[in-house]
N, C-alpha and C. Protein backbone atom coordinates (compact mmCIF):
# COMPACT_ATOMS: atom_id res chain seq x y z
N MET A 1 0.03 21.33 -36.08
CA MET A 1 -1.13 20.26 -35.07
C MET A 1 0.24 20.13 -33.74
N SER A 2 -0.23 20.39 -32.79
CA SER A 2 0.49 19.36 -31.65
C SER A 2 0.04 18.56 -30.82
N ALA A 3 1.00 17.49 -30.75
CA ALA A 3 0.48 16.14 -29.85
C ALA A 3 0.20 16.42 -28.57
N GLN A 4 -0.82 16.01 -28.18
CA GLN A 4 -1.05 16.22 -26.57
C GLN A 4 -1.20 14.87 -25.81
N ALA A 5 -0.51 14.75 -24.83
CA ALA A 5 -0.32 13.82 -24.05
C ALA A 5 -2.10 12.52 -24.10
N ALA A 6 -2.41 11.68 -23.78
CA ALA A 6 -3.32 10.90 -23.41
C ALA A 6 -3.59 11.07 -22.25
N LYS A 7 -4.73 10.66 -22.15
CA LYS A 7 -5.46 10.85 -21.09
C LYS A 7 -5.56 9.29 -20.59
N PRO A 8 -4.97 9.27 -19.47
CA PRO A 8 -5.65 7.82 -18.75
C PRO A 8 -6.43 7.17 -18.85
N ALA A 9 -7.19 6.07 -18.90
CA ALA A 9 -8.28 4.87 -19.17
C ALA A 9 -8.79 5.35 -17.77
N ALA A 10 -10.25 5.42 -17.72
CA ALA A 10 -10.90 5.71 -16.42
C ALA A 10 -10.42 4.70 -15.61
N ILE A 11 -10.10 4.45 -14.26
CA ILE A 11 -9.96 3.42 -12.67
C ILE A 11 -11.60 3.20 -12.10
N ASP A 12 -11.54 2.22 -12.01
CA ASP A 12 -13.08 1.96 -11.22
C ASP A 12 -12.63 1.58 -9.96
N GLY A 13 -13.22 2.47 -8.68
CA GLY A 13 -12.79 2.18 -7.37
C GLY A 13 -12.56 1.00 -6.93
N LEU A 14 -11.49 1.19 -6.04
CA LEU A 14 -11.26 0.22 -5.31
C LEU A 14 -12.69 -1.04 -4.87
N ASP A 15 -12.67 -2.05 -4.88
CA ASP A 15 -13.54 -3.06 -3.65
C ASP A 15 -13.15 -3.71 -3.19
N ALA A 16 -13.34 -3.97 -1.57
CA ALA A 16 -13.02 -5.00 -0.78
C ALA A 16 -13.36 -6.20 -1.01
N ALA A 17 -14.16 -6.36 -1.56
CA ALA A 17 -14.97 -7.65 -1.72
C ALA A 17 -13.91 -8.48 -3.13
N VAL A 18 -13.29 -7.46 -3.96
CA VAL A 18 -12.62 -8.12 -4.99
C VAL A 18 -11.13 -8.40 -4.45
N ILE A 19 -10.81 -7.34 -3.85
CA ILE A 19 -9.48 -7.87 -3.23
C ILE A 19 -9.63 -8.51 -2.15
N ALA A 20 -10.51 -8.86 -1.78
CA ALA A 20 -10.12 -10.20 -0.21
C ALA A 20 -10.40 -11.42 -1.52
N GLY A 21 -11.64 -11.67 -2.25
CA GLY A 21 -11.23 -12.35 -3.13
C GLY A 21 -10.52 -12.99 -4.03
N ALA A 22 -9.24 -12.37 -4.22
CA ALA A 22 -8.33 -12.69 -5.03
C ALA A 22 -6.80 -12.80 -3.96
N LEU A 23 -7.08 -12.71 -3.09
CA LEU A 23 -6.28 -13.06 -1.97
C LEU A 23 -6.38 -14.79 -1.98
N PRO A 24 -4.83 -15.35 -1.47
CA PRO A 24 -4.92 -16.80 -1.59
C PRO A 24 -5.88 -17.37 -0.22
N GLN A 25 -6.53 -18.35 0.06
CA GLN A 25 -6.74 -18.33 1.29
C GLN A 25 -5.95 -18.57 2.60
N LEU A 26 -4.61 -18.78 2.53
CA LEU A 26 -4.37 -18.49 3.52
C LEU A 26 -4.01 -17.08 4.25
N ALA A 27 -3.75 -16.00 3.06
CA ALA A 27 -3.61 -14.48 3.33
C ALA A 27 -4.91 -14.03 3.17
N ARG A 28 -6.66 -14.83 2.81
CA ARG A 28 -7.22 -13.97 3.55
C ARG A 28 -7.79 -14.91 4.80
N ALA A 29 -7.40 -15.99 5.57
CA ALA A 29 -7.22 -15.83 6.73
C ALA A 29 -6.95 -15.09 7.77
N GLN A 30 -5.78 -14.16 7.11
CA GLN A 30 -4.95 -13.86 8.55
C GLN A 30 -5.54 -12.22 7.95
N LEU A 31 -6.55 -12.20 7.24
CA LEU A 31 -6.69 -10.82 6.95
C LEU A 31 -8.10 -10.31 8.04
N HIS A 32 -7.88 -9.59 8.85
CA HIS A 32 -8.42 -9.20 9.86
C HIS A 32 -9.70 -7.80 9.69
N ALA A 33 -9.12 -7.41 8.73
CA ALA A 33 -9.73 -6.27 8.19
C ALA A 33 -9.36 -5.63 7.10
N LEU A 34 -10.13 -4.99 5.60
CA LEU A 34 -9.49 -4.63 4.69
C LEU A 34 -10.53 -2.95 4.95
N SER A 35 -9.63 -1.73 4.69
CA SER A 35 -10.74 -0.41 4.78
C SER A 35 -10.28 0.00 3.47
N ILE A 36 -11.19 0.42 2.80
CA ILE A 36 -10.81 1.66 1.64
C ILE A 36 -11.37 2.95 1.52
N SER A 37 -10.84 3.92 1.31
CA SER A 37 -11.16 5.40 2.16
C SER A 37 -11.57 5.68 0.13
N PRO A 38 -12.02 6.92 0.20
CA PRO A 38 -11.87 7.50 -1.43
C PRO A 38 -10.92 8.78 -0.89
N VAL A 39 -10.68 9.21 0.22
CA VAL A 39 -9.92 10.50 -0.06
C VAL A 39 -9.61 10.44 1.69
N THR A 40 -8.42 10.16 1.95
CA THR A 40 -7.82 9.97 3.37
C THR A 40 -6.24 10.78 3.40
N VAL A 41 -6.09 12.05 4.90
CA VAL A 41 -4.71 11.98 4.79
C VAL A 41 -3.99 11.21 4.45
N SER A 42 -3.80 10.14 5.15
CA SER A 42 -2.80 9.12 5.11
C SER A 42 -2.95 7.49 5.30
N THR A 43 -2.94 6.62 4.52
CA THR A 43 -2.99 5.34 4.75
C THR A 43 -1.99 4.89 6.07
N GLN A 44 -1.21 5.63 6.59
CA GLN A 44 -0.36 5.01 7.29
C GLN A 44 -1.16 5.80 9.00
N LEU A 45 -1.72 7.02 8.90
CA LEU A 45 -2.28 7.58 9.97
C LEU A 45 -3.76 7.08 10.32
N ASP A 46 -4.33 5.96 9.28
CA ASP A 46 -5.72 5.60 9.60
C ASP A 46 -4.98 4.12 9.68
N ALA A 47 -3.79 3.61 9.88
CA ALA A 47 -3.40 2.42 10.27
C ALA A 47 -3.05 2.68 11.78
N LEU A 48 -2.31 3.89 12.13
CA LEU A 48 -2.04 4.29 13.63
C LEU A 48 -3.02 4.59 14.21
N SER A 49 -3.83 4.94 13.77
CA SER A 49 -5.30 5.66 14.33
C SER A 49 -6.08 4.32 15.18
N ALA A 50 -6.39 3.43 14.37
CA ALA A 50 -7.04 2.12 14.38
C ALA A 50 -6.28 1.20 15.47
N THR A 51 -7.23 0.37 16.05
CA THR A 51 -6.74 -1.01 17.16
C THR A 51 -5.85 -1.73 16.14
N THR A 52 -4.70 -1.94 16.25
CA THR A 52 -3.83 -2.97 15.80
C THR A 52 -4.66 -4.41 16.48
N PRO A 53 -4.64 -5.39 14.96
CA PRO A 53 -5.62 -6.60 15.43
C PRO A 53 -4.38 -7.18 16.51
N ALA A 54 -5.16 -8.43 17.10
CA ALA A 54 -4.12 -9.19 18.07
C ALA A 54 -3.33 -10.05 17.13
N HIS A 55 -4.24 -10.57 16.48
CA HIS A 55 -3.89 -11.98 15.25
C HIS A 55 -4.27 -11.33 14.23
N GLY A 56 -3.49 -11.52 12.90
CA GLY A 56 -3.22 -11.68 11.33
C GLY A 56 -3.44 -10.01 11.51
N CYS A 57 -3.53 -9.62 10.31
CA CYS A 57 -3.60 -7.80 9.85
C CYS A 57 -4.96 -7.34 9.32
N ALA A 58 -4.41 -6.13 9.60
CA ALA A 58 -5.55 -4.91 8.87
C ALA A 58 -5.05 -3.68 7.78
N VAL A 59 -5.35 -3.69 6.75
CA VAL A 59 -5.11 -3.44 5.03
C VAL A 59 -5.89 -2.18 4.87
N PHE A 60 -5.11 -0.74 5.34
CA PHE A 60 -6.21 0.67 4.91
C PHE A 60 -5.99 0.79 3.46
N PHE A 61 -6.34 0.66 2.29
CA PHE A 61 -6.46 1.29 1.16
C PHE A 61 -6.64 2.37 1.23
N ALA A 62 -6.37 3.84 0.16
CA ALA A 62 -7.20 4.51 -0.37
C ALA A 62 -6.82 5.27 -1.65
N GLU A 63 -7.85 5.63 -2.38
CA GLU A 63 -7.67 5.89 -3.45
C GLU A 63 -6.86 7.45 -3.59
N GLN A 64 -6.94 7.88 -2.87
CA GLN A 64 -5.79 9.47 -2.99
C GLN A 64 -5.86 9.58 -1.24
N GLN A 65 -4.35 10.22 -1.08
CA GLN A 65 -3.70 10.40 0.07
C GLN A 65 -3.66 12.00 -0.04
N THR A 66 -4.65 13.02 0.84
CA THR A 66 -4.07 14.36 0.90
C THR A 66 -2.66 14.71 1.61
N GLY A 67 -2.07 14.12 2.26
CA GLY A 67 -0.72 14.28 3.21
C GLY A 67 -0.06 13.28 3.70
N GLY A 68 0.20 13.00 2.69
CA GLY A 68 1.14 11.86 2.46
C GLY A 68 2.68 12.45 2.48
N VAL A 69 3.58 11.89 3.64
CA VAL A 69 4.96 12.45 3.67
C VAL A 69 5.70 11.51 3.27
N GLY A 70 6.72 12.18 3.16
CA GLY A 70 7.88 10.65 2.35
C GLY A 70 9.12 11.30 3.65
N ARG A 71 10.17 10.86 2.82
CA ARG A 71 11.38 11.29 3.20
C ARG A 71 11.76 12.73 4.13
N ASN A 72 12.51 12.77 4.87
CA ASN A 72 12.41 13.66 5.53
C ASN A 72 11.44 14.81 5.84
N GLY A 73 10.70 14.64 5.49
CA GLY A 73 9.10 15.13 6.06
C GLY A 73 8.81 15.94 4.70
N ARG A 74 9.14 15.61 3.20
CA ARG A 74 8.56 16.34 2.08
C ARG A 74 7.43 15.60 1.42
N SER A 75 6.52 17.04 1.45
CA SER A 75 5.29 15.69 0.98
C SER A 75 4.92 14.95 -0.21
N TRP A 76 4.03 14.16 -0.50
CA TRP A 76 4.02 12.89 -1.05
C TRP A 76 3.04 13.02 -2.12
N ALA A 77 3.60 12.98 -3.16
CA ALA A 77 1.82 13.19 -4.17
C ALA A 77 1.37 11.88 -4.33
N SER A 78 -0.11 12.15 -3.83
CA SER A 78 -0.98 11.11 -4.52
C SER A 78 -2.17 11.16 -4.84
N PRO A 79 -1.89 11.91 -6.14
CA PRO A 79 -3.28 11.80 -7.09
C PRO A 79 -4.68 11.01 -6.72
N PRO A 80 -5.62 10.99 -7.01
CA PRO A 80 -6.32 10.14 -6.95
C PRO A 80 -6.58 9.12 -8.07
N SER A 81 -6.41 8.31 -7.96
CA SER A 81 -6.92 6.70 -8.54
C SER A 81 -5.22 6.76 -9.58
N THR A 82 -4.82 7.02 -9.11
CA THR A 82 -3.21 7.12 -10.06
C THR A 82 -2.54 5.86 -9.70
N ASN A 83 -2.38 5.66 -8.58
CA ASN A 83 -1.55 4.83 -7.86
C ASN A 83 -2.14 3.78 -7.01
N LEU A 84 -1.51 2.76 -6.10
CA LEU A 84 -1.89 2.23 -5.16
C LEU A 84 -1.56 2.40 -3.77
N TYR A 85 -1.83 3.26 -3.46
CA TYR A 85 -2.32 3.40 -1.62
C TYR A 85 -2.70 2.92 -0.47
N PHE A 86 -1.66 2.02 0.43
CA PHE A 86 -1.85 1.64 1.02
C PHE A 86 -0.85 1.52 2.36
N SER A 87 -1.17 0.74 3.92
CA SER A 87 -0.57 0.55 4.58
C SER A 87 -1.20 -0.62 5.63
N VAL A 88 -0.28 -1.39 6.32
CA VAL A 88 -0.76 -2.55 7.16
C VAL A 88 -0.03 -2.53 8.38
N SER A 89 -1.01 -3.39 8.67
CA SER A 89 -0.89 -3.16 10.42
C SER A 89 -0.93 -4.46 10.77
N ARG A 90 -0.17 -4.46 11.56
CA ARG A 90 -0.22 -6.04 12.11
C ARG A 90 0.73 -5.91 13.72
N ALA A 91 0.65 -6.72 14.57
CA ALA A 91 1.10 -7.04 15.78
C ALA A 91 2.20 -7.87 15.63
N PHE A 92 3.51 -7.72 16.41
CA PHE A 92 4.49 -8.21 16.21
C PHE A 92 4.83 -8.43 17.79
N SER A 93 5.65 -10.00 17.85
CA SER A 93 6.14 -10.27 19.64
C SER A 93 7.37 -9.69 19.78
N ARG A 94 7.94 -8.85 18.62
CA ARG A 94 9.08 -8.25 19.29
C ARG A 94 9.29 -6.93 19.11
N GLN A 95 9.96 -6.50 19.97
CA GLN A 95 10.16 -5.15 19.83
C GLN A 95 10.68 -4.34 18.71
N LEU A 96 10.21 -3.27 18.57
CA LEU A 96 10.29 -2.34 17.41
C LEU A 96 11.40 -2.15 16.62
N SER A 97 12.32 -1.86 18.07
CA SER A 97 14.60 -1.69 17.71
C SER A 97 14.35 -3.42 17.32
N GLU A 98 14.06 -4.44 17.19
CA GLU A 98 14.67 -5.69 16.82
C GLU A 98 14.33 -5.72 15.36
N MET A 99 13.26 -5.04 15.07
CA MET A 99 12.35 -4.71 13.34
C MET A 99 13.45 -4.00 12.43
N THR A 100 14.36 -2.88 12.91
CA THR A 100 14.93 -1.95 12.01
C THR A 100 15.15 -2.21 10.27
N GLY A 101 14.92 -3.48 10.00
CA GLY A 101 15.17 -3.77 8.51
C GLY A 101 13.85 -3.54 8.10
N LEU A 102 13.04 -4.19 8.97
CA LEU A 102 11.57 -4.78 8.23
C LEU A 102 10.90 -4.03 7.23
N SER A 103 11.52 -2.91 7.09
CA SER A 103 10.41 -2.18 5.94
C SER A 103 11.11 -1.87 4.69
N LEU A 104 12.12 -2.34 4.49
CA LEU A 104 12.81 -2.41 3.43
C LEU A 104 13.27 -3.99 3.04
N VAL A 105 12.68 -4.69 3.63
CA VAL A 105 12.86 -6.45 3.59
C VAL A 105 11.33 -6.57 2.68
N VAL A 106 10.29 -5.77 3.31
CA VAL A 106 8.82 -6.23 3.30
C VAL A 106 9.20 -5.21 1.60
N GLY A 107 9.91 -4.21 1.45
CA GLY A 107 9.59 -3.70 0.25
C GLY A 107 10.49 -4.54 -1.09
N ILE A 108 11.79 -4.89 -0.63
CA ILE A 108 12.42 -5.66 -1.44
C ILE A 108 11.07 -6.94 -2.07
N ALA A 109 10.56 -7.31 -1.01
CA ALA A 109 9.71 -8.88 -1.33
C ALA A 109 8.69 -8.53 -2.25
N MET A 110 8.18 -7.61 -1.87
CA MET A 110 7.23 -7.29 -2.95
C MET A 110 7.67 -6.92 -4.36
N ALA A 111 8.86 -5.99 -4.54
CA ALA A 111 9.12 -6.09 -6.14
C ALA A 111 9.78 -7.12 -6.02
N GLU A 112 10.05 -7.72 -5.73
CA GLU A 112 10.36 -9.40 -6.10
C GLU A 112 8.97 -10.37 -6.83
N ALA A 113 7.77 -10.17 -5.47
CA ALA A 113 6.92 -11.19 -6.37
C ALA A 113 5.98 -10.36 -7.31
N LEU A 114 6.46 -8.89 -7.73
CA LEU A 114 6.10 -8.30 -8.91
C LEU A 114 6.53 -8.55 -9.91
N HIS A 115 8.03 -9.17 -9.38
CA HIS A 115 9.26 -9.21 -11.27
C HIS A 115 8.40 -10.98 -11.11
N GLY A 116 7.88 -11.48 -10.73
CA GLY A 116 7.79 -12.91 -10.85
C GLY A 116 6.39 -13.22 -11.56
N LEU A 117 5.66 -11.66 -11.25
CA LEU A 117 3.99 -11.71 -11.87
C LEU A 117 4.59 -11.17 -13.55
N GLY A 118 5.41 -10.69 -13.74
CA GLY A 118 5.86 -10.18 -15.02
C GLY A 118 5.76 -9.11 -15.19
N PHE A 119 6.18 -8.60 -13.94
CA PHE A 119 6.44 -6.88 -14.00
C PHE A 119 8.00 -6.65 -13.70
N VAL A 120 8.06 -5.80 -14.89
CA VAL A 120 9.47 -6.20 -15.14
C VAL A 120 10.54 -4.54 -15.24
N ALA A 121 9.79 -3.42 -15.05
CA ALA A 121 10.16 -2.36 -14.62
C ALA A 121 10.30 -1.59 -13.07
N VAL A 122 10.39 -2.62 -12.10
CA VAL A 122 9.68 -2.41 -10.56
C VAL A 122 11.22 -2.12 -10.33
N ARG A 123 10.72 -0.61 -9.57
CA ARG A 123 12.03 -0.28 -8.56
C ARG A 123 11.37 0.32 -7.24
N LEU A 124 12.17 -0.04 -6.39
CA LEU A 124 11.89 0.17 -4.82
C LEU A 124 12.70 1.65 -4.91
N LYS A 125 12.13 2.72 -4.30
CA LYS A 125 12.23 4.25 -4.33
C LYS A 125 12.61 4.29 -2.75
N TRP A 126 11.86 3.94 -2.30
CA TRP A 126 12.57 4.30 -0.28
C TRP A 126 11.77 2.78 0.49
N PRO A 127 12.05 2.37 1.04
CA PRO A 127 12.57 1.16 1.69
C PRO A 127 11.23 0.11 1.63
N ASN A 128 9.59 1.20 1.49
CA ASN A 128 8.29 0.49 1.08
C ASN A 128 7.73 1.02 -0.14
N ASP A 129 8.34 2.21 -0.89
CA ASP A 129 7.91 3.00 -1.34
C ASP A 129 8.05 1.92 -3.20
N LEU A 130 7.45 1.16 -3.56
CA LEU A 130 7.31 0.92 -5.14
C LEU A 130 7.27 2.00 -6.15
N LEU A 131 8.20 1.69 -7.27
CA LEU A 131 7.35 2.44 -8.84
C LEU A 131 7.60 1.15 -9.45
N VAL A 132 6.16 1.42 -10.36
CA VAL A 132 6.13 -0.04 -11.34
C VAL A 132 5.55 0.71 -13.14
């Protein structure tokens, strides 16, 4: 008899009201927009094609990405309802050249926050991609 891999449990779709409601009041006050797509080419492309809010931030979630791109133009596997795919759009008063390490700092801060919530096996794969 051969062993079969266990099938993952069914995952409910992302719900904007649930996500926004779970945020602390200060974070909710800074949330200009929260968008959820069942399928998108890339949440980064969604963020880049939208108008960046003058104040606060916009967050773009997807349950599947069909054209995610990683380092050196490699395609990024983004199967449906398996991972959390999102991008954040925010205006800054500084020039982009002054914020070269921002993506890495955000990735480290997110990893530390997840560690603080009890996730022990968090790895930073590339500046802002986390493996949990």
